[in-house]
Every structure is written in structure tokens, then in C-alpha cells.
Amino acid sequence: MNKLITSPAVLKHIWDKHQLSRVDVEECFYNHLEARYLEDRRAKNKTTPPTYWFISKNHQNLTLKIVCVFKEGFIYLKTIYPPNMVELCIYKNAK
């Protein structure tokens, strides 16, 4: 995914905290067949352009939440981690 931008700081964080890598992110995008992205509208997470998230699985069948920003044709990864039950319910019930 040459359009995926991952900073060294984000890559270090997702590895140190969750033992996840850029490969996990790419696999989740490849497995995200429904192309549904939810906008994070919480005031503390508001960004311009907006922050979006989705839930998908990597190739090891691990369910993950991917948080990113779409800007000028690129995808900027903010984070990736296993979602909690609230996030799973929100995503499942979103239209």
C-alpha cells in the first residue's frame, strides 16, 4: 500500500503497546471489503481533515480497530489496536 503513510513514532507506538506492525494495518485494509468508515466526532479527537476508523481482521484473524486520516489521496495511520466491546457494538450497529 504505497498510499499508506506511517510515521516512525506511530509504528513504534503500535509495536510497543500492541505488538502490531504496518503489515497488520495493510492486511486490515485488504480485508476491509465493505469499505465502511466511521467518523470520530468526539471533540477531543476532532481533526481537519476528519479522523475515521473501521474494524477489520488481519490475516491471523485478529480483530483490530484502525484509525486514520484521508488527505490528498493518502491514508495517514493514527493508530491500530484491538477494539473494546463498545467500539465493536458501535461499528456493528452503524448504518
Protein backbone atom coordinates (compact mmCIF):
# COMPACT_ATOMS: atom_id res chain seq x y z
CA MET A 1 0.00 0.00 0.00
CA ASN A 2 2.06 2.89 -1.26
CA LYS A 3 -0.67 5.39 -0.29
CA LEU A 4 -0.41 4.42 3.40
CA ILE A 5 1.69 6.86 5.42
CA THR A 6 3.01 5.57 8.74
CA SER A 7 5.30 7.72 10.86
CA PRO A 8 8.17 6.11 12.76
CA ALA A 9 6.59 7.31 16.03
CA VAL A 10 3.25 5.62 15.26
CA LEU A 11 4.97 2.40 14.18
CA LYS A 12 6.99 2.35 17.39
CA HIS A 13 3.88 3.01 19.49
CA ILE A 14 1.74 0.29 17.89
CA TRP A 15 4.57 -2.21 18.23
CA ASP A 16 5.49 -1.30 21.83
CA LYS A 17 1.91 -1.18 23.07
CA HIS A 18 0.10 -3.78 20.91
CA GLN A 19 2.83 -5.79 19.10
CA LEU A 20 1.30 -4.75 15.77
CA SER A 21 3.10 -3.66 12.61
CA ARG A 22 2.46 -1.90 9.31
CA VAL A 23 1.77 -5.34 7.80
CA ASP A 24 -1.18 -5.76 10.19
CA VAL A 25 -2.55 -2.39 9.03
CA GLU A 26 -2.20 -3.32 5.37
CA GLU A 27 -3.88 -6.69 5.94
CA CYS A 28 -6.81 -4.98 7.66
CA PHE A 29 -7.27 -2.62 4.70
CA TYR A 30 -7.14 -5.56 2.27
CA ASN A 31 -9.70 -7.48 4.33
CA HIS A 32 -12.00 -4.46 4.77
CA LEU A 33 -14.38 -5.39 1.97
CA GLU A 34 -17.39 -3.31 2.97
CA ALA A 35 -15.45 0.00 2.76
CA ARG A 36 -17.37 1.48 5.69
CA TYR A 37 -15.53 4.16 7.67
CA LEU A 38 -16.95 5.88 10.75
CA GLU A 39 -16.02 9.46 11.51
CA ASP A 40 -14.69 10.10 15.01
CA ARG A 41 -16.76 13.11 16.07
CA ARG A 42 -15.63 13.29 19.69
CA ALA A 43 -14.36 16.79 20.46
CA LYS A 44 -11.02 15.57 21.83
CA ASN A 45 -10.33 13.60 18.62
CA LYS A 46 -11.61 16.16 16.10
CA THR A 47 -9.16 16.85 13.29
CA THR A 48 -9.13 18.64 9.95
CA PRO A 49 -9.44 16.64 7.76
CA PRO A 50 -11.63 14.32 9.86
CA THR A 51 -10.40 11.19 11.60
CA TYR A 52 -12.07 7.96 10.50
CA TRP A 53 -11.99 4.43 11.87
CA PHE A 54 -13.07 0.94 10.95
CA ILE A 55 -12.83 -2.58 12.28
CA SER A 56 -11.32 -5.40 10.27
CA LYS A 57 -9.24 -8.54 10.69
CA ASN A 58 -5.62 -9.17 9.84
CA HIS A 59 -4.54 -12.41 8.16
CA GLN A 60 -4.16 -14.08 11.58
CA ASN A 61 -7.88 -13.43 12.16
CA LEU A 62 -7.20 -10.85 14.89
CA THR A 63 -9.96 -8.22 15.04
CA LEU A 64 -8.48 -4.71 15.03
CA LYS A 65 -9.61 -1.09 15.05
CA ILE A 66 -7.77 1.09 12.55
CA VAL A 67 -7.81 4.88 12.99
CA CYS A 68 -6.68 7.05 10.09
CA VAL A 69 -6.98 10.33 8.22
CA PHE A 70 -7.55 10.58 4.46
CA LYS A 71 -5.73 13.59 3.00
CA GLU A 72 -4.75 14.49 -0.56
CA GLY A 73 -5.00 10.91 -1.81
CA PHE A 74 -3.02 9.42 1.06
CA ILE A 75 -4.03 7.47 4.17
CA TYR A 76 -2.30 8.61 7.36
CA LEU A 77 -2.34 5.98 10.09
CA LYS A 78 -3.05 7.35 13.56
CA THR A 79 -3.22 4.01 15.41
CA ILE A 80 -4.34 0.39 15.36
CA TYR A 81 -5.36 -1.76 18.31
CA PRO A 82 -7.81 -4.46 19.42
CA PRO A 83 -11.24 -2.80 19.84
CA ASN A 84 -13.21 -2.90 23.06
CA MET A 85 -16.80 -4.16 23.26
CA VAL A 86 -18.29 -0.65 22.98
CA GLU A 87 -16.36 0.03 19.77
CA LEU A 88 -17.40 -3.33 18.34
CA CYS A 89 -21.07 -2.57 19.08
CA ILE A 90 -20.87 0.95 17.62
CA TYR A 91 -19.31 -0.37 14.43
CA LYS A 92 -21.71 -3.29 14.12
CA ASN A 93 -24.76 -1.04 14.56
CA ALA A 94 -23.59 1.87 12.38
CA LYS A 95 -25.53 2.37 9.18
